[in-house]
Amino acid sequence: MTLTQESRLIVIQPQQCLDLKYGNTLREQLYSLVPHPQHLWVIDLVKVDFMDSSGLTALLKVVSAIRSNGCRLVI
């Protein structure tokens, strides 16, 4: 996963596979970041070759957490 954080922009680029193992890793890494309402989060899935239901569930939990903190999100 590539993570870029500039002043108000956070770009997340998971790579290759987003399944149970990597979905949980992604979720843990993103929960470690402190969301601020002024931040724009971009989740770029262009490099994801495979996503199963576990990866989708992890992604939806991240989306929910980001939005609940008042951040803007683009997938």
PDB file of N, CA and C in Angstrom:
ATOM      1  N   MET A   1       0.845  -1.169   0.000  1.00  0.00           N
ATOM      2  CA  MET A   1       0.000   0.000   0.000  1.00  0.00           C
ATOM      3  C   MET A   1       0.887   1.228   0.000  1.00  0.00           C
ATOM      4  N   THR A   2       0.515   2.202  -0.790  1.00  0.00           N
ATOM      5  CA  THR A   2       1.208   3.475  -0.814  1.00  0.00           C
ATOM      6  C   THR A   2       0.316   4.490  -0.114  1.00  0.00           C
ATOM      7  N   LEU A   3       0.902   5.251   0.792  1.00  0.00           N
ATOM      8  CA  LEU A   3       0.157   6.266   1.524  1.00  0.00           C
ATOM      9  C   LEU A   3       0.892   7.578   1.392  1.00  0.00           C
ATOM     10  N   THR A   4       0.195   8.588   0.894  1.00  0.00           N
ATOM     11  CA  THR A   4       0.763   9.914   0.739  1.00  0.00           C
ATOM     12  C   THR A   4      -0.082  10.881   1.546  1.00  0.00           C
ATOM     13  N   GLN A   5       0.564  11.646   2.409  1.00  0.00           N
ATOM     14  CA  GLN A   5      -0.176  12.602   3.214  1.00  0.00           C
ATOM     15  C   GLN A   5       0.466  13.966   3.058  1.00  0.00           C
ATOM     16  N   GLU A   6      -0.267  14.868   2.460  1.00  0.00           N
ATOM     17  CA  GLU A   6       0.175  16.251   2.357  1.00  0.00           C
ATOM     18  C   GLU A   6      -0.676  17.063   3.315  1.00  0.00           C
ATOM     19  N   SER A   7      -0.637  18.358   3.235  1.00  0.00           N
ATOM     20  CA  SER A   7      -1.283  19.197   4.234  1.00  0.00           C
ATOM     21  C   SER A   7      -2.749  18.838   4.482  1.00  0.00           C
ATOM     22  N   ARG A   8      -3.546  18.669   3.461  1.00  0.00           N
ATOM     23  CA  ARG A   8      -4.958  18.352   3.648  1.00  0.00           C
ATOM     24  C   ARG A   8      -5.423  17.238   2.723  1.00  0.00           C
ATOM     25  N   LEU A   9      -4.494  16.525   2.131  1.00  0.00           N
ATOM     26  CA  LEU A   9      -4.820  15.473   1.190  1.00  0.00           C
ATOM     27  C   LEU A   9      -4.144  14.177   1.624  1.00  0.00           C
ATOM     28  N   ILE A  10      -4.924  13.119   1.740  1.00  0.00           N
ATOM     29  CA  ILE A  10      -4.396  11.806   2.077  1.00  0.00           C
ATOM     30  C   ILE A  10      -4.775  10.875   0.933  1.00  0.00           C
ATOM     31  N   VAL A  11      -3.765  10.295   0.281  1.00  0.00           N
ATOM     32  CA  VAL A  11      -3.992   9.385  -0.839  1.00  0.00           C
ATOM     33  C   VAL A  11      -3.582   7.982  -0.397  1.00  0.00           C
ATOM     34  N   ILE A  12      -4.508   7.048  -0.504  1.00  0.00           N
ATOM     35  CA  ILE A  12      -4.259   5.661  -0.146  1.00  0.00           C
ATOM     36  C   ILE A  12      -4.333   4.841  -1.425  1.00  0.00           C
ATOM     37  N   GLN A  13      -3.291   4.058  -1.686  1.00  0.00           N
ATOM     38  CA  GLN A  13      -3.243   3.237  -2.890  1.00  0.00           C
ATOM     39  C   GLN A  13      -2.962   1.785  -2.521  1.00  0.00           C
ATOM     40  N   PRO A  14      -3.999   1.017  -2.157  1.00  0.00           N
ATOM     41  CA  PRO A  14      -3.762  -0.411  -1.929  1.00  0.00           C
ATOM     42  C   PRO A  14      -3.311  -1.054  -3.232  1.00  0.00           C
ATOM     43  N   GLN A  15      -2.523  -2.124  -3.108  1.00  0.00           N
ATOM     44  CA  GLN A  15      -1.970  -2.736  -4.308  1.00  0.00           C
ATOM     45  C   GLN A  15      -2.246  -4.226  -4.346  1.00  0.00           C
ATOM     46  N   GLN A  16      -2.449  -4.733  -5.540  1.00  0.00           N
ATOM     47  CA  GLN A  16      -2.619  -6.129  -5.897  1.00  0.00           C
ATOM     48  C   GLN A  16      -3.882  -6.749  -5.326  1.00  0.00           C
ATOM     49  N   CYS A  17      -3.876  -7.138  -4.073  1.00  0.00           N
ATOM     50  CA  CYS A  17      -4.958  -7.942  -3.519  1.00  0.00           C
ATOM     51  C   CYS A  17      -5.575  -7.251  -2.306  1.00  0.00           C
ATOM     52  N   LEU A  18      -6.873  -7.243  -2.234  1.00  0.00           N
ATOM     53  CA  LEU A  18      -7.571  -6.696  -1.072  1.00  0.00           C
ATOM     54  C   LEU A  18      -8.513  -7.792  -0.567  1.00  0.00           C
ATOM     55  N   ASP A  19      -7.945  -8.693   0.236  1.00  0.00           N
ATOM     56  CA  ASP A  19      -8.702  -9.805   0.795  1.00  0.00           C
ATOM     57  C   ASP A  19      -8.708  -9.675   2.312  1.00  0.00           C
ATOM     58  N   LEU A  20      -9.016 -10.749   3.022  1.00  0.00           N
ATOM     59  CA  LEU A  20      -9.112 -10.696   4.476  1.00  0.00           C
ATOM     60  C   LEU A  20      -7.814 -10.205   5.108  1.00  0.00           C
ATOM     61  N   LYS A  21      -6.692 -10.790   4.717  1.00  0.00           N
ATOM     62  CA  LYS A  21      -5.404 -10.425   5.314  1.00  0.00           C
ATOM     63  C   LYS A  21      -5.035  -8.973   5.028  1.00  0.00           C
ATOM     64  N   TYR A  22      -5.032  -8.591   3.778  1.00  0.00           N
ATOM     65  CA  TYR A  22      -4.605  -7.241   3.405  1.00  0.00           C
ATOM     66  C   TYR A  22      -5.674  -6.195   3.704  1.00  0.00           C
ATOM     67  N   GLY A  23      -6.930  -6.602   3.703  1.00  0.00           N
ATOM     68  CA  GLY A  23      -8.004  -5.684   4.079  1.00  0.00           C
ATOM     69  C   GLY A  23      -7.886  -5.270   5.535  1.00  0.00           C
ATOM     70  N   ASN A  24      -7.581  -6.236   6.406  1.00  0.00           N
ATOM     71  CA  ASN A  24      -7.394  -5.923   7.822  1.00  0.00           C
ATOM     72  C   ASN A  24      -6.154  -5.069   8.040  1.00  0.00           C
ATOM     73  N   THR A  25      -5.092  -5.354   7.280  1.00  0.00           N
ATOM     74  CA  THR A  25      -3.877  -4.538   7.365  1.00  0.00           C
ATOM     75  C   THR A  25      -4.167  -3.102   6.947  1.00  0.00           C
ATOM     76  N   LEU A  26      -4.905  -2.946   5.858  1.00  0.00           N
ATOM     77  CA  LEU A  26      -5.287  -1.616   5.383  1.00  0.00           C
ATOM     78  C   LEU A  26      -6.093  -0.884   6.446  1.00  0.00           C
ATOM     79  N   ARG A  27      -7.063  -1.566   7.011  1.00  0.00           N
ATOM     80  CA  ARG A  27      -7.916  -0.950   8.038  1.00  0.00           C
ATOM     81  C   ARG A  27      -7.097  -0.511   9.246  1.00  0.00           C
ATOM     82  N   GLU A  28      -6.198  -1.353   9.716  1.00  0.00           N
ATOM     83  CA  GLU A  28      -5.365  -1.011  10.874  1.00  0.00           C
ATOM     84  C   GLU A  28      -4.475   0.196  10.582  1.00  0.00           C
ATOM     85  N   GLN A  29      -3.880   0.227   9.395  1.00  0.00           N
ATOM     86  CA  GLN A  29      -3.008   1.345   9.037  1.00  0.00           C
ATOM     87  C   GLN A  29      -3.797   2.650   8.941  1.00  0.00           C
ATOM     88  N   LEU A  30      -4.984   2.597   8.375  1.00  0.00           N
ATOM     89  CA  LEU A  30      -5.772   3.819   8.222  1.00  0.00           C
ATOM     90  C   LEU A  30      -6.351   4.288   9.549  1.00  0.00           C
ATOM     91  N   TYR A  31      -6.682   3.351  10.446  1.00  0.00           N
ATOM     92  CA  TYR A  31      -7.177   3.745  11.763  1.00  0.00           C
ATOM     93  C   TYR A  31      -6.091   4.417  12.589  1.00  0.00           C
ATOM     94  N   SER A  32      -4.818   4.172  12.253  1.00  0.00           N
ATOM     95  CA  SER A  32      -3.728   4.796  12.991  1.00  0.00           C
ATOM     96  C   SER A  32      -3.562   6.278  12.628  1.00  0.00           C
ATOM     97  N   LEU A  33      -4.129   6.682  11.489  1.00  0.00           N
ATOM     98  CA  LEU A  33      -4.064   8.088  11.087  1.00  0.00           C
ATOM     99  C   LEU A  33      -5.136   8.877  11.830  1.00  0.00           C
ATOM    100  N   VAL A  34      -4.847  10.113  12.106  1.00  0.00           N
ATOM    101  CA  VAL A  34      -5.809  10.970  12.798  1.00  0.00           C
ATOM    102  C   VAL A  34      -6.582  11.778  11.762  1.00  0.00           C
ATOM    103  N   PRO A  35      -7.864  11.472  11.571  1.00  0.00           N
ATOM    104  CA  PRO A  35      -8.642  12.223  10.582  1.00  0.00           C
ATOM    105  C   PRO A  35      -9.047  13.590  11.108  1.00  0.00           C
ATOM    106  N   HIS A  36      -8.971  14.576  10.253  1.00  0.00           N
ATOM    107  CA  HIS A  36      -9.424  15.926  10.562  1.00  0.00           C
ATOM    108  C   HIS A  36     -10.499  16.295   9.553  1.00  0.00           C
ATOM    109  N   PRO A  37     -11.516  17.020   9.971  1.00  0.00           N
ATOM    110  CA  PRO A  37     -12.620  17.349   9.067  1.00  0.00           C
ATOM    111  C   PRO A  37     -12.199  18.071   7.799  1.00  0.00           C
ATOM    112  N   GLN A  38     -11.061  18.723   7.798  1.00  0.00           N
ATOM    113  CA  GLN A  38     -10.627  19.456   6.615  1.00  0.00           C
ATOM    114  C   GLN A  38      -9.911  18.572   5.601  1.00  0.00           C
ATOM    115  N   HIS A  39      -9.607  17.336   5.958  1.00  0.00           N
ATOM    116  CA  HIS A  39      -8.845  16.465   5.071  1.00  0.00           C
ATOM    117  C   HIS A  39      -9.713  15.880   3.963  1.00  0.00           C
ATOM    118  N   LEU A  40      -9.098  15.710   2.823  1.00  0.00           N
ATOM    119  CA  LEU A  40      -9.700  14.993   1.706  1.00  0.00           C
ATOM    120  C   LEU A  40      -8.961  13.667   1.588  1.00  0.00           C
ATOM    121  N   TRP A  41      -9.694  12.577   1.692  1.00  0.00           N
ATOM    122  CA  TRP A  41      -9.129  11.241   1.566  1.00  0.00           C
ATOM    123  C   TRP A  41      -9.434  10.730   0.171  1.00  0.00           C
ATOM    124  N   VAL A  42      -8.423  10.203  -0.503  1.00  0.00           N
ATOM    125  CA  VAL A  42      -8.580   9.602  -1.822  1.00  0.00           C
ATOM    126  C   VAL A  42      -8.133   8.151  -1.704  1.00  0.00           C
ATOM    127  N   ILE A  43      -9.036   7.223  -2.013  1.00  0.00           N
ATOM    128  CA  ILE A  43      -8.686   5.806  -2.048  1.00  0.00           C
ATOM    129  C   ILE A  43      -8.620   5.414  -3.517  1.00  0.00           C
ATOM    130  N   ASP A  44      -7.402   5.184  -3.994  1.00  0.00           N
ATOM    131  CA  ASP A  44      -7.139   4.891  -5.399  1.00  0.00           C
ATOM    132  C   ASP A  44      -6.985   3.375  -5.559  1.00  0.00           C
ATOM    133  N   LEU A  45      -7.954   2.734  -6.200  1.00  0.00           N
ATOM    134  CA  LEU A  45      -7.960   1.281  -6.343  1.00  0.00           C
ATOM    135  C   LEU A  45      -7.411   0.817  -7.692  1.00  0.00           C
ATOM    136  N   VAL A  46      -6.732   1.685  -8.414  1.00  0.00           N
ATOM    137  CA  VAL A  46      -6.263   1.348  -9.759  1.00  0.00           C
ATOM    138  C   VAL A  46      -5.287   0.157  -9.759  1.00  0.00           C
ATOM    139  N   LYS A  47      -4.543  -0.047  -8.688  1.00  0.00           N
ATOM    140  CA  LYS A  47      -3.554  -1.124  -8.650  1.00  0.00           C
ATOM    141  C   LYS A  47      -4.068  -2.386  -7.950  1.00  0.00           C
ATOM    142  N   VAL A  48      -5.347  -2.399  -7.596  1.00  0.00           N
ATOM    143  CA  VAL A  48      -5.933  -3.579  -6.962  1.00  0.00           C
ATOM    144  C   VAL A  48      -6.420  -4.522  -8.060  1.00  0.00           C
ATOM    145  N   ASP A  49      -5.852  -5.735  -8.084  1.00  0.00           N
ATOM    146  CA  ASP A  49      -6.216  -6.734  -9.084  1.00  0.00           C
ATOM    147  C   ASP A  49      -7.354  -7.631  -8.616  1.00  0.00           C
ATOM    148  N   PHE A  50      -7.477  -7.796  -7.300  1.00  0.00           N
ATOM    149  CA  PHE A  50      -8.460  -8.716  -6.752  1.00  0.00           C
ATOM    150  C   PHE A  50      -9.000  -8.171  -5.441  1.00  0.00           C
ATOM    151  N   MET A  51     -10.313  -8.253  -5.255  1.00  0.00           N
ATOM    152  CA  MET A  51     -10.934  -7.868  -3.999  1.00  0.00           C
ATOM    153  C   MET A  51     -12.048  -8.864  -3.715  1.00  0.00           C
ATOM    154  N   ASP A  52     -12.016  -9.471  -2.525  1.00  0.00           N
ATOM    155  CA  ASP A  52     -13.102 -10.363  -2.151  1.00  0.00           C
ATOM    156  C   ASP A  52     -14.011  -9.664  -1.145  1.00  0.00           C
ATOM    157  N   SER A  53     -14.995 -10.378  -0.646  1.00  0.00           N
ATOM    158  CA  SER A  53     -15.977  -9.753   0.249  1.00  0.00           C
ATOM    159  C   SER A  53     -15.332  -9.268   1.547  1.00  0.00           C
ATOM    160  N   SER A  54     -14.293  -9.939   2.027  1.00  0.00           N
ATOM    161  CA  SER A  54     -13.591  -9.496   3.242  1.00  0.00           C
ATOM    162  C   SER A  54     -12.877  -8.170   3.006  1.00  0.00           C
ATOM    163  N   GLY A  55     -12.260  -8.035   1.846  1.00  0.00           N
ATOM    164  CA  GLY A  55     -11.601  -6.780   1.497  1.00  0.00           C
ATOM    165  C   GLY A  55     -12.597  -5.649   1.338  1.00  0.00           C
ATOM    166  N   LEU A  56     -13.740  -5.961   0.725  1.00  0.00           N
ATOM    167  CA  LEU A  56     -14.791  -4.957   0.568  1.00  0.00           C
ATOM    168  C   LEU A  56     -15.335  -4.526   1.916  1.00  0.00           C
ATOM    169  N   THR A  57     -15.524  -5.479   2.831  1.00  0.00           N
ATOM    170  CA  THR A  57     -16.004  -5.155   4.175  1.00  0.00           C
ATOM    171  C   THR A  57     -15.023  -4.243   4.895  1.00  0.00           C
ATOM    172  N   ALA A  58     -13.733  -4.550   4.819  1.00  0.00           N
ATOM    173  CA  ALA A  58     -12.713  -3.702   5.447  1.00  0.00           C
ATOM    174  C   ALA A  58     -12.733  -2.306   4.848  1.00  0.00           C
ATOM    175  N   LEU A  59     -12.874  -2.228   3.531  1.00  0.00           N
ATOM    176  CA  LEU A  59     -12.923  -0.935   2.850  1.00  0.00           C
ATOM    177  C   LEU A  59     -14.140  -0.131   3.301  1.00  0.00           C
ATOM    178  N   LEU A  60     -15.283  -0.772   3.418  1.00  0.00           N
ATOM    179  CA  LEU A  60     -16.498  -0.073   3.861  1.00  0.00           C
ATOM    180  C   LEU A  60     -16.393   0.409   5.300  1.00  0.00           C
ATOM    181  N   LYS A  61     -15.723  -0.353   6.161  1.00  0.00           N
ATOM    182  CA  LYS A  61     -15.510   0.090   7.547  1.00  0.00           C
ATOM    183  C   LYS A  61     -14.631   1.335   7.584  1.00  0.00           C
ATOM    184  N   VAL A  62     -13.602   1.356   6.740  1.00  0.00           N
ATOM    185  CA  VAL A  62     -12.720   2.526   6.651  1.00  0.00           C
ATOM    186  C   VAL A  62     -13.508   3.732   6.152  1.00  0.00           C
ATOM    187  N   VAL A  63     -14.310   3.528   5.102  1.00  0.00           N
ATOM    188  CA  VAL A  63     -15.124   4.614   4.548  1.00  0.00           C
ATOM    189  C   VAL A  63     -16.051   5.175   5.621  1.00  0.00           C
ATOM    190  N   SER A  64     -16.693   4.298   6.370  1.00  0.00           N
ATOM    191  CA  SER A  64     -17.605   4.728   7.431  1.00  0.00           C
ATOM    192  C   SER A  64     -16.875   5.544   8.503  1.00  0.00           C
ATOM    193  N   ALA A  65     -15.696   5.063   8.909  1.00  0.00           N
ATOM    194  CA  ALA A  65     -14.923   5.772   9.934  1.00  0.00           C
ATOM    195  C   ALA A  65     -14.467   7.139   9.444  1.00  0.00           C
ATOM    196  N   ILE A  66     -14.040   7.220   8.196  1.00  0.00           N
ATOM    197  CA  ILE A  66     -13.579   8.487   7.635  1.00  0.00           C
ATOM    198  C   ILE A  66     -14.728   9.486   7.591  1.00  0.00           C
ATOM    199  N   ARG A  67     -15.855   9.050   7.088  1.00  0.00           N
ATOM    200  CA  ARG A  67     -17.007   9.951   6.974  1.00  0.00           C
ATOM    201  C   ARG A  67     -17.563  10.367   8.332  1.00  0.00           C
ATOM    202  N   SER A  68     -17.512   9.484   9.317  1.00  0.00           N
ATOM    203  CA  SER A  68     -18.038   9.825  10.634  1.00  0.00           C
ATOM    204  C   SER A  68     -17.222  10.923  11.308  1.00  0.00           C
ATOM    205  N   ASN A  69     -15.987  11.122  10.849  1.00  0.00           N
ATOM    206  CA  ASN A  69     -15.142  12.194  11.380  1.00  0.00           C
ATOM    207  C   ASN A  69     -15.264  13.479  10.564  1.00  0.00           C
ATOM    208  N   GLY A  70     -16.199  13.507   9.639  1.00  0.00           N
ATOM    209  CA  GLY A  70     -16.444  14.725   8.873  1.00  0.00           C
ATOM    210  C   GLY A  70     -15.470  14.971   7.735  1.00  0.00           C
ATOM    211  N   CYS A  71     -14.733  13.947   7.345  1.00  0.00           N
ATOM    212  CA  CYS A  71     -13.783  14.099   6.245  1.00  0.00           C
ATOM    213  C   CYS A  71     -14.493  13.862   4.915  1.00  0.00           C
ATOM    214  N   ARG A  72     -13.917  14.421   3.877  1.00  0.00           N
ATOM    215  CA  ARG A  72     -14.409  14.161   2.520  1.00  0.00           C
ATOM    216  C   ARG A  72     -13.659  12.958   1.983  1.00  0.00           C
ATOM    217  N   LEU A  73     -14.329  12.180   1.143  1.00  0.00           N
ATOM    218  CA  LEU A  73     -13.753  10.946   0.644  1.00  0.00           C
ATOM    219  C   LEU A  73     -14.058  10.752  -0.820  1.00  0.00           C
ATOM    220  N   VAL A  74     -13.055  10.317  -1.573  1.00  0.00           N
ATOM    221  CA  VAL A  74     -13.216   9.991  -2.987  1.00  0.00           C
ATOM    222  C   VAL A  74     -12.624   8.598  -3.195  1.00  0.00           C
ATOM    223  N   ILE A  75     -13.379   7.730  -3.868  1.00  0.00           N
ATOM    224  CA  ILE A  75     -12.856   6.392  -4.192  1.00  0.00           C
ATOM    225  C   ILE A  75     -12.672   6.348  -5.692  1.00  0.00           C
TER     226      ILE A  75
END
